[in-house]
N, C-alpha and C. Protein backbone atom coordinates (compact mmCIF):
# COMPACT_ATOMS: atom_id res chain seq x y z
N MET A 1 111.06 151.59 93.85
CA MET A 1 112.13 151.95 94.95
C MET A 1 111.01 152.96 95.67
N SER A 2 111.29 152.73 97.16
CA SER A 2 110.60 153.27 98.20
C SER A 2 110.98 154.81 98.78
N LYS A 3 111.90 155.05 98.86
CA LYS A 3 112.31 156.48 99.39
C LYS A 3 113.38 156.90 98.38
N ALA A 4 113.81 158.32 98.35
CA ALA A 4 114.83 159.04 97.58
C ALA A 4 115.02 160.11 98.41
N ILE A 5 116.10 160.97 97.93
CA ILE A 5 116.55 162.16 98.62
C ILE A 5 117.51 162.86 97.47
N ILE A 6 117.59 164.31 97.56
CA ILE A 6 118.54 164.97 96.83
C ILE A 6 119.64 165.15 97.36
N GLY A 7 121.03 165.34 96.84
CA GLY A 7 122.16 165.68 97.67
C GLY A 7 123.04 166.32 96.73
N ARG A 8 124.03 166.81 97.26
CA ARG A 8 125.18 167.81 96.57
C ARG A 8 126.71 166.94 96.97
N LYS A 9 127.28 166.63 95.91
CA LYS A 9 128.58 165.57 96.07
C LYS A 9 129.63 166.70 96.67
N VAL A 10 130.08 166.40 97.86
CA VAL A 10 131.23 166.94 98.35
C VAL A 10 132.64 166.63 98.33
N GLY A 11 132.63 165.39 97.89
CA GLY A 11 134.20 164.88 97.73
C GLY A 11 134.43 163.64 98.32
N MET A 12 135.69 162.86 98.06
CA MET A 12 136.03 161.96 98.62
C MET A 12 136.78 161.87 99.80
N THR A 13 136.57 160.71 100.67
CA THR A 13 137.80 160.58 101.69
C THR A 13 137.76 159.03 102.07
N GLN A 14 138.20 158.45 103.00
CA GLN A 14 138.38 157.35 103.52
C GLN A 14 137.96 156.98 105.09
N LEU A 15 137.42 155.96 105.35
CA LEU A 15 137.18 155.46 106.67
C LEU A 15 138.09 154.17 106.92
N PHE A 16 137.86 153.80 108.30
CA PHE A 16 138.71 152.77 108.60
C PHE A 16 137.86 152.00 109.55
N THR A 17 138.03 150.71 109.26
CA THR A 17 137.19 149.61 109.90
C THR A 17 137.99 149.26 111.30
N GLU A 18 137.32 148.86 112.16
CA GLU A 18 137.86 148.17 113.48
C GLU A 18 138.90 147.30 113.19
N ASP A 19 139.07 146.43 112.19
CA ASP A 19 140.19 145.75 112.00
C ASP A 19 141.29 146.28 110.79
N GLY A 20 141.04 147.72 110.91
CA GLY A 20 142.06 147.99 109.71
C GLY A 20 141.89 148.52 108.58
N LYS A 21 140.77 147.97 107.83
CA LYS A 21 140.90 147.87 106.38
C LYS A 21 140.33 149.35 105.96
N VAL A 22 140.66 149.82 104.88
CA VAL A 22 140.45 151.12 104.29
C VAL A 22 139.15 151.00 103.43
N ILE A 23 138.20 152.14 103.59
CA ILE A 23 136.92 151.94 102.70
C ILE A 23 137.06 153.40 102.09
N PRO A 24 137.20 153.05 100.73
CA PRO A 24 137.16 154.55 100.07
C PRO A 24 135.56 154.91 100.10
N VAL A 25 135.26 156.14 100.36
CA VAL A 25 133.72 156.64 100.64
C VAL A 25 133.62 158.15 99.99
N THR A 26 132.20 158.28 99.40
CA THR A 26 131.91 159.50 98.90
C THR A 26 131.08 160.52 99.79
N VAL A 27 131.51 161.55 100.00
CA VAL A 27 130.56 162.71 100.94
C VAL A 27 129.47 162.97 100.45
N ILE A 28 128.34 162.99 100.50
CA ILE A 28 127.05 163.53 100.10
C ILE A 28 126.35 164.49 100.98
N GLU A 29 126.17 165.72 100.58
CA GLU A 29 125.25 166.77 101.57
C GLU A 29 123.86 166.16 100.99
N ALA A 30 122.96 165.57 101.87
CA ALA A 30 121.95 165.26 101.41
C ALA A 30 120.59 166.00 102.31
N GLY A 31 120.08 166.65 101.55
CA GLY A 31 119.04 167.51 102.22
C GLY A 31 119.17 168.45 103.11
N PRO A 32 118.60 169.52 103.70
CA PRO A 32 117.12 168.63 103.87
C PRO A 32 116.41 169.07 102.35
N CYS A 33 115.41 168.10 102.32
CA CYS A 33 114.85 168.38 100.92
C CYS A 33 113.19 168.64 100.95
N PRO A 34 112.61 169.67 101.17
CA PRO A 34 111.13 169.85 101.12
C PRO A 34 110.08 169.23 100.28
N VAL A 35 109.13 168.42 100.72
CA VAL A 35 108.28 167.99 99.73
C VAL A 35 107.46 169.04 99.21
N VAL A 36 107.65 169.09 98.05
CA VAL A 36 106.71 170.53 97.13
C VAL A 36 105.49 169.80 96.61
N GLN A 37 105.33 168.44 96.33
CA GLN A 37 104.22 168.11 95.64
C GLN A 37 104.10 166.37 95.62
N ILE A 38 103.09 165.78 96.26
CA ILE A 38 102.77 164.56 96.35
C ILE A 38 102.00 163.96 94.78
N LYS A 39 102.41 163.29 93.99
CA LYS A 39 101.55 162.53 93.22
C LYS A 39 101.28 161.41 93.05
N THR A 40 99.99 160.98 92.94
CA THR A 40 99.39 159.64 93.40
C THR A 40 98.84 158.88 92.39
N GLU A 41 98.42 157.76 92.32
CA GLU A 41 97.96 156.88 91.39
C GLU A 41 96.61 157.51 90.80
N GLU A 42 96.02 157.85 91.60
CA GLU A 42 94.17 158.41 91.43
C GLU A 42 94.33 159.71 90.49
N SER A 43 95.38 160.66 90.87
CA SER A 43 95.18 162.05 90.28
C SER A 43 96.24 161.94 89.08
N ASP A 44 97.13 161.19 89.19
CA ASP A 44 98.33 161.45 88.15
C ASP A 44 98.63 160.34 87.45
N GLY A 45 97.98 159.09 88.03
CA GLY A 45 98.21 157.61 87.36
C GLY A 45 99.68 157.14 87.61
N TYR A 46 100.39 157.48 88.62
CA TYR A 46 101.53 157.07 89.10
C TYR A 46 102.06 157.82 90.57
N THR A 47 102.88 157.06 91.26
CA THR A 47 103.26 157.66 92.65
C THR A 47 104.65 158.36 92.53
N ALA A 48 104.71 159.49 92.97
CA ALA A 48 105.99 160.04 92.84
C ALA A 48 106.01 161.48 93.65
N LEU A 49 107.49 161.72 94.24
CA LEU A 49 107.38 163.00 94.71
C LEU A 49 108.12 163.90 94.24
N LYS A 50 107.82 165.27 94.12
CA LYS A 50 108.49 166.09 93.90
C LYS A 50 109.48 167.12 94.92
N LEU A 51 110.62 167.20 94.91
CA LEU A 51 111.62 167.50 96.07
C LEU A 51 112.11 168.73 95.90
N GLY A 52 112.52 169.62 96.66
CA GLY A 52 113.44 170.66 96.50
C GLY A 52 114.53 170.71 97.30
N PHE A 53 115.63 171.40 96.81
CA PHE A 53 116.81 171.16 97.55
C PHE A 53 117.55 172.46 97.14
N LEU A 54 118.38 173.19 98.23
CA LEU A 54 119.32 174.39 98.18
C LEU A 54 118.26 175.47 98.00
N PRO A 55 118.45 176.77 99.07
CA PRO A 55 117.81 177.61 98.92
C PRO A 55 118.04 178.52 97.98
N ALA A 56 117.06 179.26 97.25
CA ALA A 56 117.47 180.04 96.29
C ALA A 56 116.55 181.42 96.45
N LYS A 57 116.70 182.29 95.66
CA LYS A 57 116.09 184.00 95.91
C LYS A 57 114.97 183.68 95.00
N GLU A 58 113.83 184.44 95.28
CA GLU A 58 112.63 184.48 94.36
C GLU A 58 112.87 185.04 93.05
N LYS A 59 113.77 185.90 92.88
CA LYS A 59 113.99 186.50 91.84
C LYS A 59 114.78 185.79 90.48
N ALA A 60 115.47 184.46 91.28
CA ALA A 60 116.09 183.76 90.31
C ALA A 60 115.08 182.68 89.78
N LEU A 61 113.88 182.51 89.94
CA LEU A 61 112.67 181.70 89.82
C LEU A 61 111.83 182.42 88.77
N THR A 62 110.99 181.64 87.96
CA THR A 62 109.89 182.23 87.06
C THR A 62 108.94 182.17 87.83
N LYS A 63 107.59 182.79 87.33
CA LYS A 63 106.32 182.75 88.29
C LYS A 63 105.87 181.42 88.50
N PRO A 64 105.97 180.56 87.49
CA PRO A 64 105.19 179.18 87.42
C PRO A 64 105.97 178.37 88.37
N GLU A 65 107.58 178.44 88.39
CA GLU A 65 107.93 177.70 89.78
C GLU A 65 108.08 178.23 90.93
N LEU A 66 107.55 179.51 90.98
CA LEU A 66 107.50 180.18 92.41
C LEU A 66 105.86 179.98 92.86
N GLY A 67 105.19 179.45 92.10
CA GLY A 67 103.86 179.39 92.13
C GLY A 67 103.56 177.98 92.90
N GLN A 68 104.35 176.94 92.40
CA GLN A 68 104.66 175.62 92.93
C GLN A 68 104.94 175.62 94.53
N PHE A 69 105.82 176.49 94.79
CA PHE A 69 106.69 176.65 95.89
C PHE A 69 105.60 177.25 96.99
N LYS A 70 104.81 178.33 96.65
CA LYS A 70 103.91 179.25 97.25
C LYS A 70 102.71 178.05 97.61
N LYS A 71 102.34 177.52 96.75
CA LYS A 71 101.07 176.46 96.87
C LYS A 71 101.60 175.59 98.03
N ALA A 72 102.71 174.86 98.13
CA ALA A 72 103.21 173.97 99.03
C ALA A 72 103.54 174.76 100.37
N GLY A 73 103.56 176.21 100.55
CA GLY A 73 104.18 176.87 101.57
C GLY A 73 105.53 176.37 101.91
N VAL A 74 106.60 176.09 101.11
CA VAL A 74 107.88 175.84 100.97
C VAL A 74 108.95 176.98 100.47
N ALA A 75 109.95 177.48 100.95
CA ALA A 75 110.52 178.32 100.60
C ALA A 75 111.31 178.03 99.25
N PRO A 76 111.53 179.11 98.29
CA PRO A 76 112.01 178.75 96.99
C PRO A 76 113.31 178.02 97.05
N CYS A 77 113.30 177.12 96.27
CA CYS A 77 114.96 176.17 95.84
C CYS A 77 115.35 176.10 94.64
N LYS A 78 116.37 176.18 94.66
CA LYS A 78 117.12 175.94 93.35
C LYS A 78 117.08 174.74 92.45
N VAL A 79 117.01 173.45 93.10
CA VAL A 79 116.78 172.18 92.81
C VAL A 79 115.33 171.80 92.83
N LEU A 80 114.71 171.26 91.73
CA LEU A 80 113.27 170.70 91.69
C LEU A 80 113.42 169.76 91.06
N LYS A 81 113.17 168.46 91.59
CA LYS A 81 113.24 167.38 91.09
C LYS A 81 112.19 166.27 91.38
N GLU A 82 111.61 165.46 90.50
CA GLU A 82 110.77 164.28 90.77
C GLU A 82 111.41 162.96 90.86
N VAL A 83 110.80 162.29 91.63
CA VAL A 83 111.39 161.08 91.88
C VAL A 83 110.26 160.03 92.16
N ARG A 84 110.57 158.90 91.54
CA ARG A 84 109.58 158.01 91.56
C ARG A 84 109.40 157.14 92.83
N VAL A 85 108.31 156.91 93.49
CA VAL A 85 108.29 155.83 94.87
C VAL A 85 107.18 154.90 94.69
N ASP A 86 107.45 153.78 95.48
CA ASP A 86 106.19 152.76 95.39
C ASP A 86 105.10 153.26 96.20
N SER A 87 105.23 153.92 97.07
CA SER A 87 104.17 154.19 98.00
C SER A 87 104.22 155.70 98.35
N VAL A 88 103.33 156.64 98.65
CA VAL A 88 103.58 157.86 99.26
C VAL A 88 103.11 158.03 100.48
N GLU A 89 102.82 156.92 101.22
CA GLU A 89 102.33 156.90 102.82
C GLU A 89 103.47 157.35 103.35
N GLY A 90 102.99 158.31 104.34
CA GLY A 90 103.92 158.65 105.50
C GLY A 90 104.60 160.11 105.10
N TYR A 91 104.61 160.64 103.77
CA TYR A 91 104.98 161.80 103.50
C TYR A 91 103.65 162.76 103.30
N GLU A 92 104.05 164.18 103.52
CA GLU A 92 103.29 165.07 103.54
C GLU A 92 104.00 166.31 102.99
N VAL A 93 103.04 167.08 102.29
CA VAL A 93 103.60 168.12 101.41
C VAL A 93 104.25 169.29 102.43
N GLY A 94 105.49 170.00 102.30
CA GLY A 94 105.92 171.02 103.14
C GLY A 94 106.81 170.50 104.32
N LYS A 95 106.91 168.86 104.58
CA LYS A 95 107.69 168.24 105.25
C LYS A 95 109.11 168.10 104.76
N SER A 96 110.29 168.11 105.27
CA SER A 96 111.42 168.06 104.80
C SER A 96 112.12 166.76 105.17
N LEU A 97 112.52 166.11 103.84
CA LEU A 97 113.20 164.92 104.12
C LEU A 97 114.97 165.14 104.52
N LEU A 98 115.42 164.24 105.68
CA LEU A 98 116.68 164.68 106.05
C LEU A 98 117.66 163.43 105.49
N ALA A 99 118.67 163.34 106.05
CA ALA A 99 119.82 162.44 105.59
C ALA A 99 119.22 161.18 106.26
N ASP A 100 118.57 161.00 107.23
CA ASP A 100 118.28 159.86 107.93
C ASP A 100 116.87 158.77 106.94
N VAL A 101 116.86 159.25 105.99
CA VAL A 101 115.84 158.60 105.28
C VAL A 101 116.69 157.43 104.64
N PHE A 102 117.75 157.36 104.78
CA PHE A 102 118.67 155.84 104.68
C PHE A 102 119.67 155.74 106.02
N GLN A 103 119.86 154.49 106.17
CA GLN A 103 120.83 154.13 107.19
C GLN A 103 121.78 153.19 106.72
N ALA A 104 122.90 153.24 107.62
CA ALA A 104 123.98 152.35 107.59
C ALA A 104 123.50 151.25 107.18
N GLY A 105 124.48 150.49 105.79
CA GLY A 105 124.37 149.14 105.69
C GLY A 105 123.29 148.98 104.39
N GLU A 106 122.37 149.99 104.30
CA GLU A 106 121.54 149.71 103.16
C GLU A 106 122.20 150.37 101.96
N HIS A 107 121.57 149.84 100.80
CA HIS A 107 122.48 150.07 99.60
C HIS A 107 121.37 150.93 98.50
N VAL A 108 122.02 152.01 98.09
CA VAL A 108 121.51 153.04 97.03
C VAL A 108 122.03 153.05 95.49
N ASP A 109 121.10 153.67 94.56
CA ASP A 109 121.54 153.69 93.44
C ASP A 109 121.55 155.57 93.30
N VAL A 110 122.85 155.82 92.70
CA VAL A 110 123.00 157.38 92.72
C VAL A 110 123.17 157.77 91.46
N LYS A 111 122.45 158.86 91.01
CA LYS A 111 122.11 159.17 89.70
C LYS A 111 122.87 161.03 89.54
N GLY A 112 123.69 160.96 88.57
CA GLY A 112 124.40 162.27 88.57
C GLY A 112 124.74 162.68 87.31
N VAL A 113 125.24 163.76 86.69
CA VAL A 113 125.97 164.22 85.45
C VAL A 113 127.55 164.00 85.67
N THR A 114 128.04 163.44 84.52
CA THR A 114 129.54 162.99 84.97
C THR A 114 130.17 164.67 84.20
N LYS A 115 131.43 164.39 84.77
CA LYS A 115 132.53 165.52 84.33
C LYS A 115 132.31 165.92 82.88
N GLY A 116 132.83 166.87 82.45
CA GLY A 116 132.59 167.32 80.87
C GLY A 116 134.26 167.54 80.62
N HIS A 117 134.58 166.96 79.37
CA HIS A 117 135.95 167.20 78.86
C HIS A 117 136.01 167.73 77.86
N GLY A 118 135.18 168.25 77.42
CA GLY A 118 135.04 169.11 76.16
C GLY A 118 135.10 168.23 74.81
N TYR A 119 135.80 168.58 73.74
CA TYR A 119 135.68 167.84 72.43
C TYR A 119 137.09 167.33 72.48
N THR A 120 137.08 165.73 72.27
CA THR A 120 138.27 165.04 72.72
C THR A 120 138.47 164.10 71.62
N GLY A 121 139.30 163.47 71.56
CA GLY A 121 139.64 162.73 70.46
C GLY A 121 139.37 161.03 70.79
N VAL A 122 139.62 160.09 70.04
CA VAL A 122 139.39 158.98 70.01
C VAL A 122 139.82 158.11 71.20
N ILE A 123 141.38 158.61 71.43
CA ILE A 123 141.91 157.91 72.40
C ILE A 123 141.65 158.05 74.06
N LYS A 124 140.97 159.54 74.26
CA LYS A 124 140.66 159.94 75.23
C LYS A 124 139.14 159.21 75.77
N ARG A 125 138.62 159.66 74.35
CA ARG A 125 137.00 159.27 74.60
C ARG A 125 136.75 157.80 74.52
N TRP A 126 137.57 156.88 73.73
CA TRP A 126 137.07 155.71 73.35
C TRP A 126 138.01 154.65 74.05
N ASN A 127 139.12 155.18 74.35
CA ASN A 127 140.22 154.40 74.92
C ASN A 127 141.04 153.47 73.90
N GLN A 128 141.15 154.13 72.85
CA GLN A 128 141.63 153.64 71.51
C GLN A 128 142.97 153.51 71.51
N HIS A 129 143.87 152.76 70.99
CA HIS A 129 145.29 152.88 70.83
C HIS A 129 145.87 153.79 69.51
N ARG A 130 147.05 154.41 69.69
CA ARG A 130 147.33 155.05 68.82
C ARG A 130 148.26 154.29 67.60
N LEU A 131 148.17 155.08 66.41
CA LEU A 131 148.70 154.22 65.38
C LEU A 131 150.68 154.27 65.58
N LYS A 132 150.90 153.18 64.82
CA LYS A 132 152.41 153.06 64.87
C LYS A 132 153.11 154.02 64.38
N GLU A 133 154.29 154.63 65.36
CA GLU A 133 155.04 155.65 65.31
C GLU A 133 156.06 155.46 64.26
N THR A 134 155.84 154.72 62.97
CA THR A 134 156.73 154.62 62.05
C THR A 134 156.90 155.00 60.69
N HIS A 135 157.85 154.89 59.92
CA HIS A 135 157.75 155.66 58.65
C HIS A 135 156.34 155.32 57.75
N GLY A 136 155.82 155.83 57.28
CA GLY A 136 154.61 155.89 56.41
C GLY A 136 153.59 155.91 57.06
N VAL A 137 153.26 155.84 58.36
CA VAL A 137 152.24 156.03 59.29
C VAL A 137 151.52 157.43 59.51
N GLY A 138 152.42 158.26 59.73
CA GLY A 138 151.98 159.93 59.81
C GLY A 138 151.13 160.40 58.71
N PRO A 139 151.24 161.98 59.00
CA PRO A 139 151.96 162.57 59.68
C PRO A 139 151.15 162.78 61.18
N VAL A 140 150.28 162.10 61.17
CA VAL A 140 149.58 162.24 62.82
C VAL A 140 149.21 160.56 63.23
N HIS A 141 149.48 160.34 64.67
CA HIS A 141 149.46 159.07 65.00
C HIS A 141 148.15 158.72 66.16
N ARG A 142 147.39 159.88 66.16
CA ARG A 142 146.37 159.59 67.22
C ARG A 142 144.84 159.93 66.44
N GLU A 143 145.08 159.58 65.10
CA GLU A 143 143.58 159.70 64.35
C GLU A 143 142.64 158.63 64.64
N PRO A 144 141.68 158.52 64.13
CA PRO A 144 140.51 157.30 64.49
C PRO A 144 141.10 156.20 63.48
N GLY A 145 141.74 156.29 62.06
CA GLY A 145 142.14 155.06 61.58
C GLY A 145 141.31 154.94 60.48
N SER A 146 141.09 153.83 59.87
CA SER A 146 140.32 153.73 58.69
C SER A 146 138.83 153.92 59.06
N MET A 147 138.14 154.55 57.93
CA MET A 147 136.82 155.00 57.93
C MET A 147 135.93 153.86 57.15
N GLY A 148 136.61 152.84 56.52
CA GLY A 148 135.87 151.90 55.51
C GLY A 148 136.16 151.71 54.40
N ALA A 149 135.50 151.10 53.58
CA ALA A 149 135.76 150.78 52.18
C ALA A 149 135.16 152.17 51.40
N ASN A 150 135.99 152.26 50.22
CA ASN A 150 135.53 153.69 49.18
C ASN A 150 134.26 153.15 48.61
N SER A 151 134.03 152.06 47.91
CA SER A 151 132.94 151.96 46.94
C SER A 151 131.96 151.36 47.46
N THR A 152 131.98 150.31 48.40
CA THR A 152 130.89 150.01 49.12
C THR A 152 131.52 149.87 50.72
N PRO A 153 130.38 150.60 51.63
CA PRO A 153 129.50 151.05 51.17
C PRO A 153 129.42 152.45 50.99
N SER A 154 130.38 153.18 50.75
CA SER A 154 130.91 154.51 50.54
C SER A 154 130.22 155.38 51.41
N ARG A 155 130.19 155.04 52.74
CA ARG A 155 129.92 155.84 54.06
C ARG A 155 130.50 155.25 55.28
N VAL A 156 130.35 156.22 56.30
CA VAL A 156 130.81 155.75 57.50
C VAL A 156 129.68 155.08 58.42
N PHE A 157 129.63 153.83 58.82
CA PHE A 157 128.53 153.23 59.77
C PHE A 157 128.46 153.90 60.81
N LYS A 158 127.13 153.95 61.19
CA LYS A 158 126.81 154.48 62.42
C LYS A 158 127.48 154.01 63.74
N HIS A 159 127.44 154.60 64.57
CA HIS A 159 128.14 154.04 65.88
C HIS A 159 129.66 153.82 65.85
N LYS A 160 130.42 154.40 64.88
CA LYS A 160 131.75 154.44 64.68
C LYS A 160 132.48 155.11 65.84
N HIS A 161 133.31 154.71 66.48
CA HIS A 161 134.21 155.67 67.59
C HIS A 161 134.87 156.79 66.83
N LEU A 162 134.46 157.99 67.16
CA LEU A 162 135.03 159.11 66.61
C LEU A 162 135.01 160.17 67.38
N ALA A 163 135.90 161.21 67.22
CA ALA A 163 136.30 162.28 68.14
C ALA A 163 134.64 162.96 68.45
N GLY A 164 134.96 163.85 69.45
CA GLY A 164 133.45 164.39 69.76
C GLY A 164 133.19 164.77 71.19
N GLN A 165 132.19 165.21 71.50
CA GLN A 165 132.01 165.59 72.94
C GLN A 165 132.02 164.36 73.83
N TYR A 166 132.88 164.71 75.09
CA TYR A 166 132.89 163.72 76.16
C TYR A 166 132.67 163.91 77.42
N GLY A 167 131.54 163.30 77.98
CA GLY A 167 131.38 163.62 79.23
C GLY A 167 129.87 164.58 79.38
N VAL A 168 129.54 165.03 80.57
CA VAL A 168 128.34 165.45 80.90
C VAL A 168 127.01 164.62 80.38
N GLU A 169 127.26 163.71 80.86
CA GLU A 169 125.93 162.43 80.47
C GLU A 169 125.42 162.13 81.86
N ASN A 170 124.18 161.70 81.68
CA ASN A 170 123.38 161.37 82.85
C ASN A 170 123.74 159.82 83.06
N VAL A 171 124.69 159.43 84.24
CA VAL A 171 124.59 158.19 84.67
C VAL A 171 124.18 157.93 86.10
N THR A 172 123.85 156.72 85.97
CA THR A 172 123.54 155.84 87.42
C THR A 172 124.47 154.97 87.97
N VAL A 173 125.14 155.11 89.08
CA VAL A 173 125.77 153.91 89.51
C VAL A 173 125.25 153.39 90.92
N GLN A 174 124.97 151.92 90.35
CA GLN A 174 123.86 151.06 91.24
C GLN A 174 124.64 150.45 92.23
N ASN A 175 123.80 150.07 93.28
CA ASN A 175 124.38 149.12 94.48
C ASN A 175 125.44 149.77 95.09
N LEU A 176 125.12 150.94 95.72
CA LEU A 176 126.51 151.42 96.42
C LEU A 176 125.89 151.51 97.99
N GLU A 177 126.71 150.65 98.76
CA GLU A 177 126.55 150.96 100.32
C GLU A 177 126.66 151.95 101.09
N VAL A 178 125.63 152.43 101.90
CA VAL A 178 125.69 153.29 102.67
C VAL A 178 126.56 153.13 103.83
N VAL A 179 127.85 153.81 104.13
CA VAL A 179 128.77 153.45 105.10
C VAL A 179 128.34 154.02 106.34
N ARG A 180 127.86 155.43 106.41
CA ARG A 180 127.60 156.30 107.42
C ARG A 180 126.73 157.24 107.15
N VAL A 181 126.02 157.43 108.18
CA VAL A 181 124.81 158.64 108.06
C VAL A 181 125.09 159.49 109.07
N ASP A 182 125.30 161.03 108.70
CA ASP A 182 125.42 161.99 109.71
C ASP A 182 124.51 163.07 109.57
N VAL A 183 123.46 162.60 110.65
CA VAL A 183 122.13 163.65 110.49
C VAL A 183 122.48 165.05 110.98
N ALA A 184 123.42 165.39 111.95
CA ALA A 184 123.76 166.62 112.29
C ALA A 184 124.21 167.23 111.27
N ARG A 185 125.02 166.66 110.39
CA ARG A 185 125.66 167.44 109.03
C ARG A 185 125.06 167.28 107.87
N ASN A 186 123.68 166.63 107.88
CA ASN A 186 123.24 166.07 106.33
C ASN A 186 124.44 165.54 105.63
N ALA A 187 124.97 164.46 106.35
CA ALA A 187 125.85 163.85 105.38
C ALA A 187 125.36 162.62 105.12
N ILE A 188 125.79 161.62 104.08
CA ILE A 188 125.48 160.23 103.67
C ILE A 188 126.87 160.08 103.12
N LEU A 189 127.73 158.77 103.60
CA LEU A 189 128.96 158.36 102.90
C LEU A 189 128.60 156.96 102.38
N VAL A 190 128.86 157.16 101.26
CA VAL A 190 128.66 155.84 100.39
C VAL A 190 130.09 155.10 100.04
N LYS A 191 130.16 154.18 100.01
CA LYS A 191 131.27 153.51 99.56
C LYS A 191 131.42 153.47 97.99
N GLY A 192 132.77 153.95 97.72
CA GLY A 192 133.15 154.06 96.28
C GLY A 192 132.52 155.30 95.62
N ALA A 193 132.75 155.56 94.33
CA ALA A 193 132.84 156.76 93.45
C ALA A 193 131.48 157.30 93.11
N ILE A 194 131.10 158.28 92.90
CA ILE A 194 129.78 158.62 92.19
C ILE A 194 129.85 159.55 91.01
N PRO A 195 129.24 159.54 90.06
CA PRO A 195 129.60 160.28 89.03
C PRO A 195 129.67 161.95 89.09
N GLY A 196 130.31 162.91 88.53
CA GLY A 196 130.17 164.40 88.55
C GLY A 196 131.10 165.00 89.16
N ASN A 197 131.16 166.41 89.03
CA ASN A 197 132.19 167.27 89.83
C ASN A 197 131.93 167.27 91.23
N LYS A 198 132.71 167.90 92.08
CA LYS A 198 132.47 168.55 93.69
C LYS A 198 131.35 169.67 93.50
N GLY A 199 130.51 169.45 94.21
CA GLY A 199 129.11 170.35 94.30
C GLY A 199 128.09 170.15 93.31
N GLY A 200 128.34 168.97 92.62
CA GLY A 200 127.31 168.35 91.66
C GLY A 200 126.36 167.93 92.23
N VAL A 201 125.06 168.11 91.78
CA VAL A 201 123.70 167.81 92.30
C VAL A 201 123.35 166.19 92.01
N VAL A 202 123.40 165.30 93.02
CA VAL A 202 122.75 163.88 92.60
C VAL A 202 121.60 163.30 93.13
N THR A 203 121.20 162.52 92.84
CA THR A 203 119.75 161.78 93.30
C THR A 203 120.10 160.54 94.04
N LEU A 204 119.82 160.32 95.06
CA LEU A 204 119.87 158.91 95.84
C LEU A 204 118.75 157.95 95.89
N THR A 205 118.36 157.20 95.60
CA THR A 205 117.36 156.11 95.47
C THR A 205 117.72 154.88 96.04
N ALA A 206 116.62 154.16 96.56
CA ALA A 206 116.60 153.01 97.19
C ALA A 206 117.19 151.98 95.90
N SER A 207 118.09 150.85 96.21
CA SER A 207 118.70 150.19 94.91
C SER A 207 117.55 149.18 94.48
N VAL A 208 117.53 149.22 93.22
CA VAL A 208 116.65 148.43 92.54
C VAL A 208 116.89 146.75 92.32
N LYS A 209 118.23 146.69 92.47
CA LYS A 209 119.14 145.33 92.37
C LYS A 209 119.57 144.51 93.51
N HIS A 210 119.66 145.18 94.87
CA HIS A 210 120.16 144.69 95.74
C HIS A 210 119.28 143.70 96.20
N GLY A 211 119.74 142.57 96.65
CA GLY A 211 118.93 141.54 97.07
C GLY A 211 118.25 140.76 96.12
N LYS A 212 118.29 140.83 94.64
CA LYS A 212 117.56 140.32 93.74
C LYS A 212 118.50 139.23 93.48
C-alpha cells in the first residue's frame, strides 16, 4: 500500500447518480492526521508511518506517549496508529495528512472493530437453525444440539460452533470504491458498509487487490 489515513465513522447515507441510480455510502471523517514518526528500511527494517488522530489533553496521556508527540512537534492525539507504506517519500514529520490523500474513483481497504453483541447463543452468533418445536425435543429449542459421541471421542471437538462472545473483532473490508472526497469537511464517502459503530475509529489504506 502506498498511502493511508485514519478516520472516524460518521454514518451511512445515499447519493444519486446523474441517471438516477442510488449509491449507498458510508461517511468517514478522515484526518487531519499529523505524521508523528517515519520508519525507514535503514533504521527500522521496514517503511511505515505513525499517524495521530483526534486532539487529546496532555493529562490523558502517559509520559512516553507525550514524549513522542513533543519530539515530533505535534499536539497530543487520542489515537496513535502505525500504518505500513511502500515508500515514505513525500512525507514529513509534523505535516498533516488530509482527506485528499484519496481521490474519487480509487479503491480502499477499511479496517475497524465490529459492533459488540455481548454473550450470544448459537442462533445469533453462527446463524444456526433452532430445534424442532415438537414433543420430546424440549425443554429448550435454541440450544446448540448434539455435542458428539459419549465414549469416543469423549470430548467436544475444537472449533465447534457454541455460544460465546459475539463481535468486537478486527475486520477488514476490502476493495471499497471512494465515491466522493470533501476536503473542506474532512470527509471521505466510500461505497457500501464498513465495520463498527458510529464514531468508531477506522483505518483507510490503498486497496491491495484492486486491479490484480
